[in-house]
Amino acid sequence: MSKTETKTLTITIDKDSRVVLVEKQMKIVGFHFSNLEFARSWVNTVTKLKDDTWEISVLEAK
């Protein structure tokens, strides 16, 4: 059985709003902003902090 843990990430959208950078521990992962809806399959909550910065809470299997 795997446990599910909630983690909070902070994402930053670049100027053209196409690329979202996700900060996770020491890694930066990029994905397209247009895929944010698709990413909601693993995203728990999305909170806008500033114009180009969002906080994402994700469910992660352990």
PDB file of N, CA and C in Angstrom:
ATOM      1  N   MET A   1       0.853  -1.194   0.000  1.00  0.00           N
ATOM      2  CA  MET A   1       0.000   0.000   0.000  1.00  0.00           C
ATOM      3  C   MET A   1       0.888   1.243   0.000  1.00  0.00           C
ATOM      4  N   SER A   2       0.552   2.199  -0.838  1.00  0.00           N
ATOM      5  CA  SER A   2       1.320   3.434  -0.870  1.00  0.00           C
ATOM      6  C   SER A   2       0.542   4.534  -0.156  1.00  0.00           C
ATOM      7  N   LYS A   3       1.268   5.364   0.529  1.00  0.00           N
ATOM      8  CA  LYS A   3       0.638   6.494   1.214  1.00  0.00           C
ATOM      9  C   LYS A   3       0.558   7.671   0.251  1.00  0.00           C
ATOM     10  N   THR A   4      -0.444   8.503   0.452  1.00  0.00           N
ATOM     11  CA  THR A   4      -0.551   9.714  -0.352  1.00  0.00           C
ATOM     12  C   THR A   4      -0.223  10.892   0.542  1.00  0.00           C
ATOM     13  N   GLU A   5       0.675  11.732   0.070  1.00  0.00           N
ATOM     14  CA  GLU A   5       1.134  12.874   0.855  1.00  0.00           C
ATOM     15  C   GLU A   5       0.901  14.149   0.054  1.00  0.00           C
ATOM     16  N   THR A   6       0.475  15.182   0.747  1.00  0.00           N
ATOM     17  CA  THR A   6       0.262  16.462   0.078  1.00  0.00           C
ATOM     18  C   THR A   6       1.522  17.306   0.195  1.00  0.00           C
ATOM     19  N   LYS A   7       1.981  17.822  -0.940  1.00  0.00           N
ATOM     20  CA  LYS A   7       3.144  18.705  -0.945  1.00  0.00           C
ATOM     21  C   LYS A   7       2.749  19.998  -1.607  1.00  0.00           C
ATOM     22  N   THR A   8       3.409  21.074  -1.230  1.00  0.00           N
ATOM     23  CA  THR A   8       3.116  22.372  -1.821  1.00  0.00           C
ATOM     24  C   THR A   8       4.263  22.802  -2.714  1.00  0.00           C
ATOM     25  N   LEU A   9       3.927  23.184  -3.946  1.00  0.00           N
ATOM     26  CA  LEU A   9       4.916  23.659  -4.902  1.00  0.00           C
ATOM     27  C   LEU A   9       4.610  25.105  -5.224  1.00  0.00           C
ATOM     28  N   THR A  10       5.611  25.827  -5.669  1.00  0.00           N
ATOM     29  CA  THR A  10       5.387  27.173  -6.166  1.00  0.00           C
ATOM     30  C   THR A  10       5.767  27.189  -7.630  1.00  0.00           C
ATOM     31  N   ILE A  11       4.844  27.664  -8.475  1.00  0.00           N
ATOM     32  CA  ILE A  11       5.144  27.709  -9.903  1.00  0.00           C
ATOM     33  C   ILE A  11       5.226  29.151 -10.361  1.00  0.00           C
ATOM     34  N   THR A  12       6.060  29.398 -11.343  1.00  0.00           N
ATOM     35  CA  THR A  12       6.210  30.728 -11.915  1.00  0.00           C
ATOM     36  C   THR A  12       5.967  30.643 -13.409  1.00  0.00           C
ATOM     37  N   ILE A  13       5.090  31.518 -13.908  1.00  0.00           N
ATOM     38  CA  ILE A  13       4.779  31.536 -15.337  1.00  0.00           C
ATOM     39  C   ILE A  13       5.647  32.586 -16.004  1.00  0.00           C
ATOM     40  N   ASP A  14       6.272  32.225 -17.108  1.00  0.00           N
ATOM     41  CA  ASP A  14       7.128  33.188 -17.792  1.00  0.00           C
ATOM     42  C   ASP A  14       6.282  34.243 -18.506  1.00  0.00           C
ATOM     43  N   LYS A  15       6.944  35.225 -19.092  1.00  0.00           N
ATOM     44  CA  LYS A  15       6.262  36.393 -19.648  1.00  0.00           C
ATOM     45  C   LYS A  15       5.236  36.068 -20.720  1.00  0.00           C
ATOM     46  N   ASP A  16       5.486  35.036 -21.533  1.00  0.00           N
ATOM     47  CA  ASP A  16       4.521  34.737 -22.597  1.00  0.00           C
ATOM     48  C   ASP A  16       3.435  33.745 -22.148  1.00  0.00           C
ATOM     49  N   SER A  17       3.440  33.428 -20.863  1.00  0.00           N
ATOM     50  CA  SER A  17       2.410  32.564 -20.274  1.00  0.00           C
ATOM     51  C   SER A  17       2.335  31.175 -20.907  1.00  0.00           C
ATOM     52  N   ARG A  18       3.390  30.731 -21.519  1.00  0.00           N
ATOM     53  CA  ARG A  18       3.378  29.401 -22.127  1.00  0.00           C
ATOM     54  C   ARG A  18       4.095  28.366 -21.278  1.00  0.00           C
ATOM     55  N   VAL A  19       5.086  28.790 -20.531  1.00  0.00           N
ATOM     56  CA  VAL A  19       5.862  27.839 -19.753  1.00  0.00           C
ATOM     57  C   VAL A  19       5.665  28.118 -18.270  1.00  0.00           C
ATOM     58  N   VAL A  20       5.428  27.057 -17.521  1.00  0.00           N
ATOM     59  CA  VAL A  20       5.286  27.175 -16.081  1.00  0.00           C
ATOM     60  C   VAL A  20       6.470  26.448 -15.449  1.00  0.00           C
ATOM     61  N   LEU A  21       7.166  27.113 -14.557  1.00  0.00           N
ATOM     62  CA  LEU A  21       8.270  26.471 -13.846  1.00  0.00           C
ATOM     63  C   LEU A  21       7.777  26.030 -12.476  1.00  0.00           C
ATOM     64  N   VAL A  22       8.026  24.790 -12.165  1.00  0.00           N
ATOM     65  CA  VAL A  22       7.585  24.245 -10.902  1.00  0.00           C
ATOM     66  C   VAL A  22       8.809  24.005 -10.014  1.00  0.00           C
ATOM     67  N   GLU A  23       8.801  24.615  -8.845  1.00  0.00           N
ATOM     68  CA  GLU A  23       9.908  24.416  -7.917  1.00  0.00           C
ATOM     69  C   GLU A  23       9.538  23.290  -6.967  1.00  0.00           C
ATOM     70  N   LYS A  24      10.332  22.241  -6.971  1.00  0.00           N
ATOM     71  CA  LYS A  24      10.063  21.083  -6.125  1.00  0.00           C
ATOM     72  C   LYS A  24      11.370  20.632  -5.498  1.00  0.00           C
ATOM     73  N   GLN A  25      11.508  20.870  -4.217  1.00  0.00           N
ATOM     74  CA  GLN A  25      12.750  20.597  -3.514  1.00  0.00           C
ATOM     75  C   GLN A  25      13.878  21.337  -4.245  1.00  0.00           C
ATOM     76  N   MET A  26      14.859  20.617  -4.780  1.00  0.00           N
ATOM     77  CA  MET A  26      15.980  21.278  -5.441  1.00  0.00           C
ATOM     78  C   MET A  26      15.809  21.306  -6.952  1.00  0.00           C
ATOM     79  N   LYS A  27      14.710  20.750  -7.457  1.00  0.00           N
ATOM     80  CA  LYS A  27      14.545  20.635  -8.902  1.00  0.00           C
ATOM     81  C   LYS A  27      13.555  21.654  -9.446  1.00  0.00           C
ATOM     82  N   ILE A  28      13.801  22.117 -10.649  1.00  0.00           N
ATOM     83  CA  ILE A  28      12.858  22.967 -11.366  1.00  0.00           C
ATOM     84  C   ILE A  28      12.363  22.141 -12.553  1.00  0.00           C
ATOM     85  N   VAL A  29      11.042  22.002 -12.655  1.00  0.00           N
ATOM     86  CA  VAL A  29      10.452  21.213 -13.730  1.00  0.00           C
ATOM     87  C   VAL A  29       9.570  22.126 -14.561  1.00  0.00           C
ATOM     88  N   GLY A  30       9.691  22.042 -15.874  1.00  0.00           N
ATOM     89  CA  GLY A  30       8.879  22.901 -16.736  1.00  0.00           C
ATOM     90  C   GLY A  30       7.756  22.131 -17.405  1.00  0.00           C
ATOM     91  N   PHE A  31       6.598  22.759 -17.534  1.00  0.00           N
ATOM     92  CA  PHE A  31       5.532  22.182 -18.345  1.00  0.00           C
ATOM     93  C   PHE A  31       4.705  23.321 -18.925  1.00  0.00           C
ATOM     94  N   HIS A  32       3.936  23.025 -19.947  1.00  0.00           N
ATOM     95  CA  HIS A  32       3.174  24.069 -20.607  1.00  0.00           C
ATOM     96  C   HIS A  32       1.991  24.517 -19.753  1.00  0.00           C
ATOM     97  N   PHE A  33       1.799  25.825 -19.688  1.00  0.00           N
ATOM     98  CA  PHE A  33       0.667  26.371 -18.952  1.00  0.00           C
ATOM     99  C   PHE A  33      -0.648  25.852 -19.532  1.00  0.00           C
ATOM    100  N   SER A  34      -0.688  25.598 -20.837  1.00  0.00           N
ATOM    101  CA  SER A  34      -1.907  25.089 -21.475  1.00  0.00           C
ATOM    102  C   SER A  34      -2.274  23.699 -20.950  1.00  0.00           C
ATOM    103  N   ASN A  35      -1.325  23.026 -20.332  1.00  0.00           N
ATOM    104  CA  ASN A  35      -1.575  21.694 -19.796  1.00  0.00           C
ATOM    105  C   ASN A  35      -1.943  21.710 -18.312  1.00  0.00           C
ATOM    106  N   LEU A  36      -2.197  22.907 -17.774  1.00  0.00           N
ATOM    107  CA  LEU A  36      -2.491  22.998 -16.345  1.00  0.00           C
ATOM    108  C   LEU A  36      -3.753  22.221 -15.986  1.00  0.00           C
ATOM    109  N   GLU A  37      -4.773  22.280 -16.849  1.00  0.00           N
ATOM    110  CA  GLU A  37      -5.993  21.525 -16.590  1.00  0.00           C
ATOM    111  C   GLU A  37      -5.699  20.027 -16.539  1.00  0.00           C
ATOM    112  N   PHE A  38      -4.870  19.577 -17.471  1.00  0.00           N
ATOM    113  CA  PHE A  38      -4.479  18.167 -17.491  1.00  0.00           C
ATOM    114  C   PHE A  38      -3.705  17.827 -16.218  1.00  0.00           C
ATOM    115  N   ALA A  39      -2.860  18.756 -15.791  1.00  0.00           N
ATOM    116  CA  ALA A  39      -2.042  18.514 -14.601  1.00  0.00           C
ATOM    117  C   ALA A  39      -2.889  18.442 -13.341  1.00  0.00           C
ATOM    118  N   ARG A  40      -4.117  18.949 -13.406  1.00  0.00           N
ATOM    119  CA  ARG A  40      -4.983  18.913 -12.231  1.00  0.00           C
ATOM    120  C   ARG A  40      -5.310  17.477 -11.807  1.00  0.00           C
ATOM    121  N   SER A  41      -5.010  16.514 -12.650  1.00  0.00           N
ATOM    122  CA  SER A  41      -5.230  15.129 -12.244  1.00  0.00           C
ATOM    123  C   SER A  41      -4.359  14.787 -11.036  1.00  0.00           C
ATOM    124  N   TRP A  42      -3.240  15.471 -10.908  1.00  0.00           N
ATOM    125  CA  TRP A  42      -2.409  15.260  -9.720  1.00  0.00           C
ATOM    126  C   TRP A  42      -2.294  16.499  -8.848  1.00  0.00           C
ATOM    127  N   VAL A  43      -2.892  17.600  -9.300  1.00  0.00           N
ATOM    128  CA  VAL A  43      -2.861  18.833  -8.507  1.00  0.00           C
ATOM    129  C   VAL A  43      -4.065  18.869  -7.585  1.00  0.00           C
ATOM    130  N   ASN A  44      -3.831  19.169  -6.326  1.00  0.00           N
ATOM    131  CA  ASN A  44      -4.902  19.245  -5.342  1.00  0.00           C
ATOM    132  C   ASN A  44      -5.543  20.633  -5.363  1.00  0.00           C
ATOM    133  N   THR A  45      -4.756  21.669  -5.145  1.00  0.00           N
ATOM    134  CA  THR A  45      -5.267  23.038  -5.183  1.00  0.00           C
ATOM    135  C   THR A  45      -4.284  23.936  -5.908  1.00  0.00           C
ATOM    136  N   VAL A  46      -4.790  24.991  -6.523  1.00  0.00           N
ATOM    137  CA  VAL A  46      -3.951  25.985  -7.187  1.00  0.00           C
ATOM    138  C   VAL A  46      -4.350  27.346  -6.644  1.00  0.00           C
ATOM    139  N   THR A  47      -3.381  28.082  -6.135  1.00  0.00           N
ATOM    140  CA  THR A  47      -3.644  29.402  -5.572  1.00  0.00           C
ATOM    141  C   THR A  47      -2.744  30.418  -6.241  1.00  0.00           C
ATOM    142  N   LYS A  48      -3.332  31.500  -6.733  1.00  0.00           N
ATOM    143  CA  LYS A  48      -2.530  32.548  -7.367  1.00  0.00           C
ATOM    144  C   LYS A  48      -1.972  33.459  -6.282  1.00  0.00           C
ATOM    145  N   LEU A  49      -0.651  33.587  -6.224  1.00  0.00           N
ATOM    146  CA  LEU A  49      -0.004  34.433  -5.233  1.00  0.00           C
ATOM    147  C   LEU A  49       0.265  35.822  -5.794  1.00  0.00           C
ATOM    148  N   LYS A  50       0.795  35.861  -7.007  1.00  0.00           N
ATOM    149  CA  LYS A  50       1.078  37.114  -7.712  1.00  0.00           C
ATOM    150  C   LYS A  50       0.744  36.884  -9.186  1.00  0.00           C
ATOM    151  N   ASP A  51       0.956  37.911 -10.010  1.00  0.00           N
ATOM    152  CA  ASP A  51       0.648  37.770 -11.437  1.00  0.00           C
ATOM    153  C   ASP A  51       1.358  36.591 -12.083  1.00  0.00           C
ATOM    154  N   ASP A  52       2.610  36.348 -11.698  1.00  0.00           N
ATOM    155  CA  ASP A  52       3.357  35.287 -12.363  1.00  0.00           C
ATOM    156  C   ASP A  52       3.761  34.164 -11.428  1.00  0.00           C
ATOM    157  N   THR A  53       3.170  34.127 -10.236  1.00  0.00           N
ATOM    158  CA  THR A  53       3.542  33.090  -9.279  1.00  0.00           C
ATOM    159  C   THR A  53       2.292  32.430  -8.707  1.00  0.00           C
ATOM    160  N   TRP A  54       2.286  31.106  -8.746  1.00  0.00           N
ATOM    161  CA  TRP A  54       1.160  30.337  -8.258  1.00  0.00           C
ATOM    162  C   TRP A  54       1.655  29.306  -7.260  1.00  0.00           C
ATOM    163  N   GLU A  55       0.818  28.978  -6.294  1.00  0.00           N
ATOM    164  CA  GLU A  55       1.147  27.921  -5.344  1.00  0.00           C
ATOM    165  C   GLU A  55       0.286  26.713  -5.673  1.00  0.00           C
ATOM    166  N   ILE A  56       0.930  25.586  -5.815  1.00  0.00           N
ATOM    167  CA  ILE A  56       0.221  24.356  -6.161  1.00  0.00           C
ATOM    168  C   ILE A  56       0.409  23.331  -5.049  1.00  0.00           C
ATOM    169  N   SER A  57      -0.685  22.739  -4.625  1.00  0.00           N
ATOM    170  CA  SER A  57      -0.625  21.632  -3.679  1.00  0.00           C
ATOM    171  C   SER A  57      -0.915  20.366  -4.471  1.00  0.00           C
ATOM    172  N   VAL A  58      -0.008  19.413  -4.415  1.00  0.00           N
ATOM    173  CA  VAL A  58      -0.179  18.183  -5.194  1.00  0.00           C
ATOM    174  C   VAL A  58      -0.287  16.966  -4.291  1.00  0.00           C
ATOM    175  N   LEU A  59      -0.947  15.954  -4.794  1.00  0.00           N
ATOM    176  CA  LEU A  59      -1.008  14.671  -4.108  1.00  0.00           C
ATOM    177  C   LEU A  59       0.059  13.787  -4.726  1.00  0.00           C
ATOM    178  N   GLU A  60       0.908  13.243  -3.881  1.00  0.00           N
ATOM    179  CA  GLU A  60       2.042  12.475  -4.372  1.00  0.00           C
ATOM    180  C   GLU A  60       2.079  11.115  -3.692  1.00  0.00           C
ATOM    181  N   ALA A  61       2.144  10.062  -4.482  1.00  0.00           N
ATOM    182  CA  ALA A  61       2.213   8.713  -3.923  1.00  0.00           C
ATOM    183  C   ALA A  61       3.602   8.473  -3.344  1.00  0.00           C
ATOM    184  N   LYS A  62       3.628   7.846  -2.198  1.00  0.00           N
ATOM    185  CA  LYS A  62       4.911   7.554  -1.549  1.00  0.00           C
ATOM    186  C   LYS A  62       5.195   6.069  -1.621  1.00  0.00           C
TER     187      LYS A  62
END
